[in-house]
Structures are given as structure tokens and as C-alpha cells.
C-alpha atoms as a PDB file:
ATOM      1  CA  UNK A   1       0.001  -0.005   0.001  1.00  0.00           C
ATOM      2  CA  UNK A   2       1.299   3.464  -0.862  1.00  0.00           C
ATOM      3  CA  UNK A   3       0.889   6.531   1.327  1.00  0.00           C
ATOM      4  CA  UNK A   4      -1.605   7.874  -1.213  1.00  0.00           C
ATOM      5  CA  UNK A   5      -3.614   4.668  -1.006  1.00  0.00           C
ATOM      6  CA  UNK A   6      -3.526   4.815   2.804  1.00  0.00           C
ATOM      7  CA  UNK A   7      -4.784   8.397   2.728  1.00  0.00           C
ATOM      8  CA  UNK A   8      -7.608   7.368   0.412  1.00  0.00           C
ATOM      9  CA  UNK A   9      -8.502   4.317   2.534  1.00  0.00           C
ATOM     10  CA  UNK A  10      -8.648   6.365   5.745  1.00  0.00           C
ATOM     11  CA  UNK A  11     -10.784   9.002   4.002  1.00  0.00           C
ATOM     12  CA  UNK A  12     -13.210   6.354   2.751  1.00  0.00           C
ATOM     13  CA  UNK A  13     -13.427   4.820   6.242  1.00  0.00           C
ATOM     14  CA  UNK A  14     -14.163   8.217   7.785  1.00  0.00           C
ATOM     15  CA  UNK A  15     -16.882   8.887   5.192  1.00  0.00           C
ATOM     16  CA  UNK A  16     -18.404   5.409   5.652  1.00  0.00           C
ATOM     17  CA  UNK A  17     -18.106   4.795   9.399  1.00  0.00           C
ATOM     18  CA  UNK A  18     -16.735   7.880  11.107  1.00  0.00           C
ATOM     19  CA  UNK A  19     -19.402  10.441  10.198  1.00  0.00           C
ATOM     20  CA  UNK A  20     -16.726  13.169   9.840  1.00  0.00           C
ATOM     21  CA  UNK A  21     -13.161  13.944  10.820  1.00  0.00           C
ATOM     22  CA  UNK A  22     -12.603  15.217  14.348  1.00  0.00           C
ATOM     23  CA  UNK A  23     -11.313  18.779  14.404  1.00  0.00           C
ATOM     24  CA  UNK A  24      -7.641  19.380  13.720  1.00  0.00           C
ATOM     25  CA  UNK A  25      -6.946  20.309  17.353  1.00  0.00           C
ATOM     26  CA  UNK A  26      -8.706  17.192  18.603  1.00  0.00           C
ATOM     27  CA  UNK A  27      -6.724  15.047  16.178  1.00  0.00           C
ATOM     28  CA  UNK A  28      -3.461  16.726  17.248  1.00  0.00           C
ATOM     29  CA  UNK A  29      -4.186  15.852  20.879  1.00  0.00           C
ATOM     30  CA  UNK A  30      -5.165  12.326  19.817  1.00  0.00           C
ATOM     31  CA  UNK A  31      -1.843  12.017  17.949  1.00  0.00           C
ATOM     32  CA  UNK A  32      -0.018  13.049  21.085  1.00  0.00           C
ATOM     33  CA  UNK A  33      -1.960  10.471  23.085  1.00  0.00           C
ATOM     34  CA  UNK A  34      -1.162   7.715  20.562  1.00  0.00           C
ATOM     35  CA  UNK A  35       2.541   8.629  20.566  1.00  0.00           C
ATOM     36  CA  UNK A  36       2.440   8.353  24.362  1.00  0.00           C
ATOM     37  CA  UNK A  37       0.923   4.890  24.131  1.00  0.00           C
ATOM     38  CA  UNK A  38       3.645   3.889  21.649  1.00  0.00           C
ATOM     39  CA  UNK A  39       6.290   5.295  24.001  1.00  0.00           C
ATOM     40  CA  UNK A  40       4.867   3.245  26.894  1.00  0.00           C
ATOM     41  CA  UNK A  41       5.215   0.008  24.895  1.00  0.00           C
ATOM     42  CA  UNK A  42       8.758   0.879  23.799  1.00  0.00           C
ATOM     43  CA  UNK A  43       9.957   1.815  27.294  1.00  0.00           C
ATOM     44  CA  UNK A  44       8.504  -1.366  28.740  1.00  0.00           C
ATOM     45  CA  UNK A  45       9.861  -3.539  25.940  1.00  0.00           C
ATOM     46  CA  UNK A  46      13.308  -1.999  25.439  1.00  0.00           C
ATOM     47  CA  UNK A  47      13.783   0.195  28.505  1.00  0.00           C
ATOM     48  CA  UNK A  48      14.056  -0.426  32.204  1.00  0.00           C
ATOM     49  CA  UNK A  49      10.358  -0.304  33.027  1.00  0.00           C
ATOM     50  CA  UNK A  50       8.378  -3.501  33.402  1.00  0.00           C
ATOM     51  CA  UNK A  51       4.916  -4.154  32.021  1.00  0.00           C
ATOM     52  CA  UNK A  52       1.957  -3.524  34.294  1.00  0.00           C
ATOM     53  CA  UNK A  53      -0.949  -5.966  34.167  1.00  0.00           C
ATOM     54  CA  UNK A  54      -2.905  -3.389  32.147  1.00  0.00           C
ATOM     55  CA  UNK A  55      -0.060  -3.114  29.601  1.00  0.00           C
ATOM     56  CA  UNK A  56       0.506  -6.817  28.963  1.00  0.00           C
ATOM     57  CA  UNK A  57      -1.764  -6.907  25.896  1.00  0.00           C
ATOM     58  CA  UNK A  58      -0.036  -3.896  24.318  1.00  0.00           C
ATOM     59  CA  UNK A  59       1.180  -4.462  20.788  1.00  0.00           C
ATOM     60  CA  UNK A  60       4.007  -2.383  19.309  1.00  0.00           C
ATOM     61  CA  UNK A  61       2.807  -2.693  15.700  1.00  0.00           C
ATOM     62  CA  UNK A  62      -0.745  -1.764  16.645  1.00  0.00           C
ATOM     63  CA  UNK A  63       0.429   1.316  18.527  1.00  0.00           C
ATOM     64  CA  UNK A  64       2.510   2.393  15.523  1.00  0.00           C
ATOM     65  CA  UNK A  65      -0.508   1.903  13.277  1.00  0.00           C
ATOM     66  CA  UNK A  66      -2.616   4.056  15.626  1.00  0.00           C
ATOM     67  CA  UNK A  67      -0.048   6.863  15.301  1.00  0.00           C
ATOM     68  CA  UNK A  68      -0.071   6.491  11.514  1.00  0.00           C
ATOM     69  CA  UNK A  69      -3.872   6.522  11.395  1.00  0.00           C
ATOM     70  CA  UNK A  70      -4.211   9.845  13.239  1.00  0.00           C
ATOM     71  CA  UNK A  71      -1.330  11.367  11.249  1.00  0.00           C
ATOM     72  CA  UNK A  72      -3.103  10.389   8.027  1.00  0.00           C
ATOM     73  CA  UNK A  73      -6.324  11.926   9.343  1.00  0.00           C
ATOM     74  CA  UNK A  74      -4.496  15.181   9.991  1.00  0.00           C
ATOM     75  CA  UNK A  75      -2.918  15.089   6.543  1.00  0.00           C
ATOM     76  CA  UNK A  76      -6.257  14.472   4.873  1.00  0.00           C
ATOM     77  CA  UNK A  77      -8.088  17.237   6.666  1.00  0.00           C
ATOM     78  CA  UNK A  78      -5.318  19.793   6.115  1.00  0.00           C
ATOM     79  CA  UNK A  79      -4.757  18.941   2.448  1.00  0.00           C
ATOM     80  CA  UNK A  80      -1.281  17.466   2.852  1.00  0.00           C
ATOM     81  CA  UNK A  81      -0.217  14.885   0.272  1.00  0.00           C
ATOM     82  CA  UNK A  82       1.970  12.617   2.415  1.00  0.00           C
ATOM     83  CA  UNK A  83       3.692  11.072  -0.618  1.00  0.00           C
ATOM     84  CA  UNK A  84       4.872  14.468  -1.853  1.00  0.00           C
ATOM     85  CA  UNK A  85       5.727  15.634   1.659  1.00  0.00           C
ATOM     86  CA  UNK A  86       7.748  12.491   2.388  1.00  0.00           C
ATOM     87  CA  UNK A  87       9.628  12.672  -0.917  1.00  0.00           C
ATOM     88  CA  UNK A  88      10.545  16.339  -0.281  1.00  0.00           C
ATOM     89  CA  UNK A  89      11.597  15.464   3.256  1.00  0.00           C
ATOM     90  CA  UNK A  90      13.879  12.649   2.024  1.00  0.00           C
ATOM     91  CA  UNK A  91      15.511  15.020  -0.459  1.00  0.00           C
ATOM     92  CA  UNK A  92      16.026  17.617   2.284  1.00  0.00           C
ATOM     93  CA  UNK A  93      17.576  15.074   4.642  1.00  0.00           C
ATOM     94  CA  UNK A  94      19.809  13.656   1.910  1.00  0.00           C
ATOM     95  CA  UNK A  95      21.010  17.085   0.854  1.00  0.00           C
ATOM     96  CA  UNK A  96      21.578  18.268   4.414  1.00  0.00           C
ATOM     97  CA  UNK A  97      22.948  15.084   5.964  1.00  0.00           C
ATOM     98  CA  UNK A  98      24.627  13.202   3.115  1.00  0.00           C
ATOM     99  CA  UNK A  99      27.987  13.117   4.958  1.00  0.00           C
ATOM    100  CA  UNK A 100      27.028  14.210   8.474  1.00  0.00           C
ATOM    101  CA  UNK A 101      26.348  10.744   9.909  1.00  0.00           C
ATOM    102  CA  UNK A 102      29.138   9.094   7.921  1.00  0.00           C
ATOM    103  CA  UNK A 103      31.579  11.501   9.572  1.00  0.00           C
ATOM    104  CA  UNK A 104      30.113  11.203  13.085  1.00  0.00           C
ATOM    105  CA  UNK A 105      32.697   9.500  15.315  1.00  0.00           C
ATOM    106  CA  UNK A 106      29.934   8.643  17.784  1.00  0.00           C
ATOM    107  CA  UNK A 107      28.329   6.399  15.143  1.00  0.00           C
ATOM    108  CA  UNK A 108      31.465   4.900  13.641  1.00  0.00           C
ATOM    109  CA  UNK A 109      33.387   2.362  15.666  1.00  0.00           C
END
């Protein structure tokens, strides 16, 4: 699935089942909440914290998908084409950082 297809699929779901998009501010807060839930799974899986009983069913992939869902909602409702935005972002990073990490002694050896 491409980013464009994902944006279309989310839009169709909203139109079919969701009634309408939540407001942009609501979705921004929801994105923050979903990132927090993703962070909780990561810190309990890879960090020093242990899982609580209520966290044991948490699924890393599902939490990432929740973040992506809300991000796509925000893109759709603000008119952002994520494919174009991502391609521009990759070009920017490549132009800006094409030697930066290769020359970073903290990353090499």
C-alpha cells in the first residue's frame, strides 16, 4: 500500500463509518496520546520499566498503526499529500545530511 492509497482508505473509512473527521486540534491531541501509548510500549519492551498488568496486551505494531492513522487523518483534513511531503523530506535530509552521519565518530566504531 502506498501513502496515497492509505490516505484514500482512511478518508473512505471516515466517510463510511466515522461520520466526519474530528477537528484538527482534537486530532493533534489524539496524535499526542497515541505517541504516548507507543512510548509506553517501547519503554516497557526496550527500557528499564516492566509491564503492568494493564499493559501486557499492548502491541508495538498496533500502537505504531494508531499513530499512523491519526497522522493520516491530519494530513487528509489539512490537504497534505503525504507522498509528496515524504519525498521532499527525504531530499532535504539527503542534501543536508549526506555526509554528516558518515563522519560522526559517535556512530562509527
